[in-house]
C-alpha cells in the first residue's frame, strides 16, 4: 500500500511541476508577444524612442527567463528565438527598419510555434 501512495505522490508532484512550467512559459510567451506588438506599433507610428524602449524590454524579458526555459524546453527551439531577438538592437541602432520588422515577425511566429508545441495536445503527444 505504501508503494501506491508513493506512486500517487510522485504523480501529483510531476503533474504539478508540468502545470507550473506550462503556466510559466505561456505567461512569458504572452508577455514577449505583447512587447513585440508594441515595438511593431511604435515602428509603424514612427515613434523610434518608444520602439527602442520596448525592444530593450523584450530583450530583458528574454534574458531574464532564458535559463529557466532551458530546463524544460528544447534548446534548439529556444536558440531560434534567441537568434531572431539578438539582431534587434543592431537593426534598431542602424535604423534598418524593414529588416527589423521582418525579424520581429519571425520572432513572433517562433514564439507562437513554441507555445503551440509545448502545450499538451493530442497532436503533440502522438
N, C-alpha and C. Protein backbone atom coordinates (compact mmCIF):
# COMPACT_ATOMS: atom_id res chain seq x y z
N UNK A 1 0.82 -1.19 0.00
CA UNK A 1 0.00 0.00 0.00
C UNK A 1 0.86 1.26 0.00
N UNK A 2 2.04 1.17 0.63
CA UNK A 2 2.95 2.32 0.66
C UNK A 2 3.44 2.68 -0.74
N UNK A 3 3.62 1.68 -1.58
CA UNK A 3 4.06 1.92 -2.94
C UNK A 3 3.01 2.68 -3.75
N UNK A 4 1.76 2.36 -3.52
CA UNK A 4 0.68 3.06 -4.21
C UNK A 4 0.66 4.53 -3.80
N UNK A 5 0.81 4.79 -2.50
CA UNK A 5 0.84 6.16 -2.02
C UNK A 5 2.06 6.91 -2.57
N UNK A 6 3.20 6.23 -2.59
CA UNK A 6 4.41 6.85 -3.13
C UNK A 6 4.24 7.16 -4.61
N UNK A 7 3.68 6.22 -5.36
CA UNK A 7 3.45 6.45 -6.79
C UNK A 7 2.46 7.60 -6.99
N UNK A 8 1.43 7.65 -6.18
CA UNK A 8 0.45 8.75 -6.26
C UNK A 8 1.09 10.09 -5.95
N UNK A 9 1.95 10.12 -4.94
CA UNK A 9 2.63 11.36 -4.56
C UNK A 9 3.57 11.82 -5.68
N UNK A 10 4.29 10.90 -6.28
CA UNK A 10 5.18 11.23 -7.39
C UNK A 10 4.37 11.77 -8.58
N UNK A 11 3.25 11.14 -8.86
CA UNK A 11 2.38 11.59 -9.94
C UNK A 11 1.88 13.01 -9.70
N UNK A 12 1.48 13.30 -8.48
CA UNK A 12 0.99 14.65 -8.14
C UNK A 12 2.10 15.67 -8.30
N UNK A 13 3.31 15.35 -7.86
CA UNK A 13 4.45 16.27 -7.99
C UNK A 13 4.77 16.52 -9.46
N UNK A 14 4.83 15.47 -10.25
CA UNK A 14 5.15 15.61 -11.68
C UNK A 14 4.08 16.43 -12.39
N UNK A 15 2.82 16.15 -12.12
CA UNK A 15 1.74 16.93 -12.73
C UNK A 15 1.79 18.39 -12.29
N UNK A 16 2.06 18.63 -11.02
CA UNK A 16 2.17 20.00 -10.52
C UNK A 16 3.29 20.77 -11.19
N UNK A 17 4.44 20.13 -11.33
CA UNK A 17 5.58 20.78 -11.99
C UNK A 17 5.28 21.02 -13.47
N UNK A 18 4.61 20.09 -14.11
CA UNK A 18 4.26 20.25 -15.52
C UNK A 18 3.29 21.41 -15.72
N UNK A 19 2.30 21.49 -14.86
CA UNK A 19 1.32 22.58 -14.96
C UNK A 19 1.98 23.93 -14.66
N UNK A 20 2.86 23.95 -13.67
CA UNK A 20 3.57 25.19 -13.34
C UNK A 20 4.46 25.63 -14.50
N UNK A 21 5.17 24.70 -15.11
CA UNK A 21 6.03 25.02 -16.25
C UNK A 21 5.23 25.51 -17.44
N UNK A 22 4.11 24.87 -17.71
CA UNK A 22 3.24 25.29 -18.81
C UNK A 22 2.70 26.69 -18.56
N UNK A 23 2.26 26.94 -17.35
CA UNK A 23 1.72 28.25 -16.99
C UNK A 23 2.81 29.32 -17.11
N UNK A 24 3.99 29.03 -16.62
CA UNK A 24 5.10 29.98 -16.68
C UNK A 24 5.47 30.29 -18.13
N UNK A 25 5.63 29.26 -18.95
CA UNK A 25 6.02 29.50 -20.34
C UNK A 25 4.93 30.26 -21.10
N UNK A 26 3.67 29.95 -20.85
CA UNK A 26 2.58 30.70 -21.50
C UNK A 26 2.60 32.17 -21.09
N UNK A 27 2.87 32.43 -19.81
CA UNK A 27 2.93 33.80 -19.32
C UNK A 27 4.08 34.57 -19.97
N UNK A 28 5.24 33.97 -20.02
CA UNK A 28 6.42 34.63 -20.60
C UNK A 28 6.21 34.86 -22.09
N UNK A 29 5.71 33.86 -22.79
CA UNK A 29 5.49 34.00 -24.23
C UNK A 29 4.46 35.09 -24.51
N UNK A 30 3.41 35.15 -23.71
CA UNK A 30 2.40 36.20 -23.88
C UNK A 30 2.99 37.58 -23.65
N UNK A 31 3.81 37.71 -22.61
CA UNK A 31 4.46 38.99 -22.33
C UNK A 31 5.37 39.40 -23.49
N UNK A 32 6.13 38.45 -24.00
CA UNK A 32 7.05 38.76 -25.08
C UNK A 32 6.31 39.10 -26.36
N UNK A 33 5.26 38.39 -26.65
CA UNK A 33 4.46 38.71 -27.84
C UNK A 33 3.85 40.11 -27.72
N UNK A 34 3.44 40.47 -26.52
CA UNK A 34 2.92 41.81 -26.29
C UNK A 34 3.97 42.89 -26.55
N UNK A 35 5.19 42.64 -26.11
CA UNK A 35 6.28 43.60 -26.36
C UNK A 35 6.59 43.69 -27.85
N UNK A 36 6.57 42.56 -28.55
CA UNK A 36 6.81 42.58 -30.00
C UNK A 36 5.74 43.42 -30.69
N UNK A 37 4.49 43.23 -30.29
CA UNK A 37 3.40 44.01 -30.89
C UNK A 37 3.59 45.50 -30.62
N UNK A 38 4.06 45.84 -29.42
CA UNK A 38 4.28 47.24 -29.07
C UNK A 38 5.41 47.84 -29.91
N UNK A 39 6.47 47.07 -30.13
CA UNK A 39 7.57 47.54 -30.97
C UNK A 39 7.06 47.77 -32.39
N UNK A 40 6.29 46.82 -32.91
CA UNK A 40 5.76 46.95 -34.26
C UNK A 40 4.86 48.18 -34.39
N UNK A 41 4.00 48.40 -33.42
CA UNK A 41 3.12 49.56 -33.46
C UNK A 41 3.91 50.86 -33.39
N UNK A 42 4.94 50.89 -32.55
CA UNK A 42 5.76 52.09 -32.43
C UNK A 42 6.50 52.36 -33.74
N UNK A 43 6.99 51.30 -34.39
CA UNK A 43 7.69 51.49 -35.66
C UNK A 43 6.73 52.01 -36.74
N UNK A 44 5.53 51.47 -36.76
CA UNK A 44 4.55 51.91 -37.76
C UNK A 44 4.16 53.37 -37.56
N UNK A 45 4.22 53.85 -36.32
CA UNK A 45 3.86 55.24 -36.00
C UNK A 45 5.08 56.16 -35.94
N UNK A 46 6.24 55.66 -36.35
CA UNK A 46 7.49 56.43 -36.34
C UNK A 46 7.86 56.96 -34.96
N UNK A 47 7.56 56.19 -33.93
CA UNK A 47 7.97 56.53 -32.56
C UNK A 47 9.18 55.66 -32.22
N UNK A 48 10.33 56.10 -32.69
CA UNK A 48 11.54 55.28 -32.61
C UNK A 48 12.04 55.11 -31.19
N UNK A 49 11.93 56.14 -30.36
CA UNK A 49 12.37 56.01 -28.97
C UNK A 49 11.54 54.98 -28.23
N UNK A 50 10.24 54.99 -28.48
CA UNK A 50 9.35 54.02 -27.85
C UNK A 50 9.65 52.61 -28.36
N UNK A 51 9.93 52.48 -29.65
CA UNK A 51 10.28 51.18 -30.23
C UNK A 51 11.55 50.65 -29.58
N UNK A 52 12.51 51.53 -29.37
CA UNK A 52 13.77 51.11 -28.74
C UNK A 52 13.54 50.66 -27.31
N UNK A 53 12.71 51.39 -26.56
CA UNK A 53 12.41 51.01 -25.18
C UNK A 53 11.75 49.63 -25.12
N UNK A 54 10.78 49.41 -25.99
CA UNK A 54 10.08 48.12 -25.97
C UNK A 54 10.98 46.98 -26.44
N UNK A 55 11.86 47.26 -27.39
CA UNK A 55 12.77 46.19 -27.82
C UNK A 55 13.76 45.86 -26.72
N UNK A 56 14.20 46.87 -25.95
CA UNK A 56 15.08 46.60 -24.82
C UNK A 56 14.35 45.80 -23.74
N UNK A 57 13.08 46.11 -23.52
CA UNK A 57 12.28 45.35 -22.55
C UNK A 57 12.10 43.91 -23.03
N UNK A 58 11.90 43.75 -24.32
CA UNK A 58 11.77 42.41 -24.90
C UNK A 58 13.04 41.60 -24.67
N UNK A 59 14.17 42.20 -24.94
CA UNK A 59 15.45 41.50 -24.72
C UNK A 59 15.69 41.22 -23.24
N UNK A 60 15.30 42.15 -22.38
CA UNK A 60 15.45 41.94 -20.94
C UNK A 60 14.61 40.76 -20.47
N UNK A 61 13.37 40.71 -20.94
CA UNK A 61 12.49 39.58 -20.59
C UNK A 61 13.10 38.26 -21.05
N UNK A 62 13.59 38.25 -22.28
CA UNK A 62 14.16 37.02 -22.82
C UNK A 62 15.37 36.57 -22.01
N UNK A 63 16.29 37.48 -21.74
CA UNK A 63 17.50 37.13 -20.99
C UNK A 63 17.18 36.70 -19.57
N UNK A 64 16.19 37.33 -18.98
CA UNK A 64 15.81 37.03 -17.61
C UNK A 64 15.24 35.61 -17.47
N UNK A 65 14.51 35.15 -18.46
CA UNK A 65 13.81 33.88 -18.34
C UNK A 65 14.40 32.75 -19.18
N UNK A 66 15.43 33.05 -19.95
CA UNK A 66 16.01 32.05 -20.83
C UNK A 66 16.52 30.82 -20.07
N UNK A 67 17.23 31.05 -19.00
CA UNK A 67 17.83 29.93 -18.25
C UNK A 67 16.77 28.98 -17.72
N UNK A 68 15.68 29.52 -17.21
CA UNK A 68 14.62 28.67 -16.68
C UNK A 68 13.89 27.94 -17.81
N UNK A 69 13.67 28.62 -18.92
CA UNK A 69 13.01 27.97 -20.04
C UNK A 69 13.85 26.81 -20.58
N UNK A 70 15.16 26.93 -20.49
CA UNK A 70 16.07 25.87 -20.96
C UNK A 70 15.92 24.57 -20.18
N UNK A 71 15.38 24.66 -18.97
CA UNK A 71 15.28 23.45 -18.16
C UNK A 71 14.21 22.49 -18.67
N UNK A 72 13.23 22.98 -19.42
CA UNK A 72 12.18 22.08 -19.86
C UNK A 72 11.72 22.27 -21.30
N UNK A 73 12.38 23.13 -22.05
CA UNK A 73 12.07 23.30 -23.48
C UNK A 73 13.34 23.00 -24.26
N UNK A 74 13.18 22.36 -25.43
CA UNK A 74 14.33 22.01 -26.25
C UNK A 74 15.16 23.24 -26.57
N UNK A 75 16.45 23.09 -26.46
CA UNK A 75 17.36 24.21 -26.68
C UNK A 75 17.33 24.70 -28.12
N UNK A 76 17.11 23.79 -29.07
CA UNK A 76 17.10 24.20 -30.47
C UNK A 76 15.95 25.17 -30.75
N UNK A 77 14.80 24.96 -30.11
CA UNK A 77 13.67 25.87 -30.29
C UNK A 77 13.97 27.24 -29.68
N UNK A 78 14.59 27.22 -28.52
CA UNK A 78 14.93 28.48 -27.86
C UNK A 78 16.04 29.22 -28.61
N UNK A 79 16.94 28.46 -29.20
CA UNK A 79 18.04 29.07 -29.95
C UNK A 79 17.52 29.85 -31.16
N UNK A 80 16.49 29.34 -31.80
CA UNK A 80 15.91 30.04 -32.95
C UNK A 80 15.35 31.40 -32.52
N UNK A 81 14.64 31.41 -31.42
CA UNK A 81 14.08 32.67 -30.91
C UNK A 81 15.22 33.59 -30.51
N UNK A 82 16.22 33.05 -29.86
CA UNK A 82 17.36 33.84 -29.40
C UNK A 82 18.07 34.51 -30.58
N UNK A 83 18.24 33.80 -31.67
CA UNK A 83 18.91 34.37 -32.84
C UNK A 83 18.08 35.51 -33.44
N UNK A 84 16.78 35.34 -33.48
CA UNK A 84 15.92 36.41 -34.01
C UNK A 84 15.98 37.64 -33.13
N UNK A 85 15.97 37.45 -31.82
CA UNK A 85 15.97 38.58 -30.90
C UNK A 85 17.33 39.27 -30.81
N UNK A 86 18.40 38.53 -31.03
CA UNK A 86 19.74 39.10 -30.87
C UNK A 86 20.07 40.15 -31.93
N UNK A 87 19.38 40.14 -33.05
CA UNK A 87 19.68 41.11 -34.10
C UNK A 87 18.83 42.38 -33.99
N UNK A 88 17.91 42.41 -33.04
CA UNK A 88 17.01 43.57 -32.94
C UNK A 88 17.75 44.85 -32.57
N UNK A 89 18.62 44.80 -31.58
CA UNK A 89 19.31 46.01 -31.12
C UNK A 89 20.17 46.63 -32.22
N UNK A 90 21.00 45.86 -32.93
CA UNK A 90 21.78 46.48 -34.01
C UNK A 90 20.91 47.03 -35.14
N UNK A 91 19.84 46.33 -35.46
CA UNK A 91 18.97 46.83 -36.54
C UNK A 91 18.29 48.12 -36.14
N UNK A 92 17.91 48.23 -34.90
CA UNK A 92 17.30 49.46 -34.42
C UNK A 92 18.34 50.58 -34.36
N UNK A 93 19.52 50.24 -33.92
CA UNK A 93 20.60 51.24 -33.82
C UNK A 93 20.95 51.82 -35.19
N UNK A 94 21.03 50.96 -36.19
CA UNK A 94 21.41 51.40 -37.53
C UNK A 94 20.20 51.71 -38.41
N UNK A 95 19.03 51.74 -37.79
CA UNK A 95 17.78 52.12 -38.44
C UNK A 95 17.48 51.28 -39.68
N UNK A 96 17.69 49.99 -39.55
CA UNK A 96 17.35 49.04 -40.62
C UNK A 96 15.93 48.54 -40.36
N UNK A 97 14.96 49.41 -40.57
CA UNK A 97 13.59 49.12 -40.16
C UNK A 97 12.90 48.00 -40.94
N UNK A 98 13.12 47.86 -42.25
CA UNK A 98 12.48 46.72 -42.94
C UNK A 98 12.97 45.37 -42.39
N UNK A 99 14.27 45.26 -42.16
CA UNK A 99 14.81 44.02 -41.61
C UNK A 99 14.35 43.81 -40.17
N UNK A 100 14.26 44.90 -39.42
CA UNK A 100 13.79 44.83 -38.04
C UNK A 100 12.35 44.30 -37.99
N UNK A 101 11.50 44.82 -38.87
CA UNK A 101 10.11 44.36 -38.92
C UNK A 101 10.04 42.88 -39.29
N UNK A 102 10.91 42.47 -40.20
CA UNK A 102 10.95 41.06 -40.60
C UNK A 102 11.37 40.17 -39.43
N UNK A 103 12.40 40.58 -38.70
CA UNK A 103 12.87 39.79 -37.55
C UNK A 103 11.83 39.76 -36.43
N UNK A 104 11.14 40.87 -36.23
CA UNK A 104 10.08 40.88 -35.22
C UNK A 104 8.98 39.89 -35.59
N UNK A 105 8.61 39.89 -36.86
CA UNK A 105 7.60 38.93 -37.32
C UNK A 105 8.05 37.50 -37.15
N UNK A 106 9.32 37.26 -37.45
CA UNK A 106 9.84 35.90 -37.30
C UNK A 106 9.88 35.49 -35.84
N UNK A 107 10.32 36.39 -34.96
CA UNK A 107 10.36 36.08 -33.53
C UNK A 107 8.95 35.82 -33.00
N UNK A 108 7.99 36.61 -33.45
CA UNK A 108 6.60 36.42 -33.02
C UNK A 108 6.10 35.04 -33.45
N UNK A 109 6.39 34.69 -34.69
CA UNK A 109 5.98 33.38 -35.21
C UNK A 109 6.66 32.24 -34.46
N UNK A 110 7.94 32.40 -34.16
CA UNK A 110 8.67 31.36 -33.42
C UNK A 110 8.12 31.20 -32.01
N UNK A 111 7.78 32.30 -31.37
CA UNK A 111 7.19 32.22 -30.03
C UNK A 111 5.82 31.53 -30.09
N UNK A 112 5.06 31.85 -31.11
CA UNK A 112 3.74 31.21 -31.27
C UNK A 112 3.91 29.70 -31.48
N UNK A 113 4.89 29.33 -32.31
CA UNK A 113 5.16 27.91 -32.56
C UNK A 113 5.65 27.23 -31.28
N UNK A 114 6.49 27.91 -30.53
CA UNK A 114 6.98 27.37 -29.26
C UNK A 114 5.83 27.09 -28.31
N UNK A 115 4.91 28.03 -28.23
CA UNK A 115 3.74 27.87 -27.36
C UNK A 115 2.89 26.68 -27.83
N UNK A 116 2.67 26.59 -29.13
CA UNK A 116 1.84 25.51 -29.66
C UNK A 116 2.47 24.13 -29.45
N UNK A 117 3.78 24.04 -29.61
CA UNK A 117 4.43 22.73 -29.48
C UNK A 117 4.59 22.29 -28.03
N UNK A 118 4.60 23.23 -27.10
CA UNK A 118 4.76 22.87 -25.70
C UNK A 118 3.43 22.58 -25.00
N UNK A 119 2.35 23.02 -25.58
CA UNK A 119 1.04 22.78 -24.97
C UNK A 119 0.65 21.33 -25.20
N UNK A 120 0.22 20.62 -24.15
CA UNK A 120 -0.10 19.19 -24.30
C UNK A 120 -1.42 18.99 -25.06
N UNK A 121 -1.28 18.75 -26.33
CA UNK A 121 -2.42 18.45 -27.20
C UNK A 121 -2.22 17.07 -27.79
N UNK A 122 -3.26 16.48 -28.26
CA UNK A 122 -3.18 15.14 -28.82
C UNK A 122 -2.16 15.08 -29.96
N UNK A 123 -2.15 16.10 -30.82
CA UNK A 123 -1.22 16.09 -31.96
C UNK A 123 0.24 16.22 -31.51
N UNK A 124 0.49 16.79 -30.35
CA UNK A 124 1.86 16.89 -29.83
C UNK A 124 2.30 15.63 -29.13
N UNK A 125 1.35 14.87 -28.65
CA UNK A 125 1.69 13.66 -27.90
C UNK A 125 1.93 12.48 -28.82
N UNK A 126 1.16 12.41 -29.89
CA UNK A 126 1.29 11.28 -30.82
C UNK A 126 2.41 11.44 -31.79
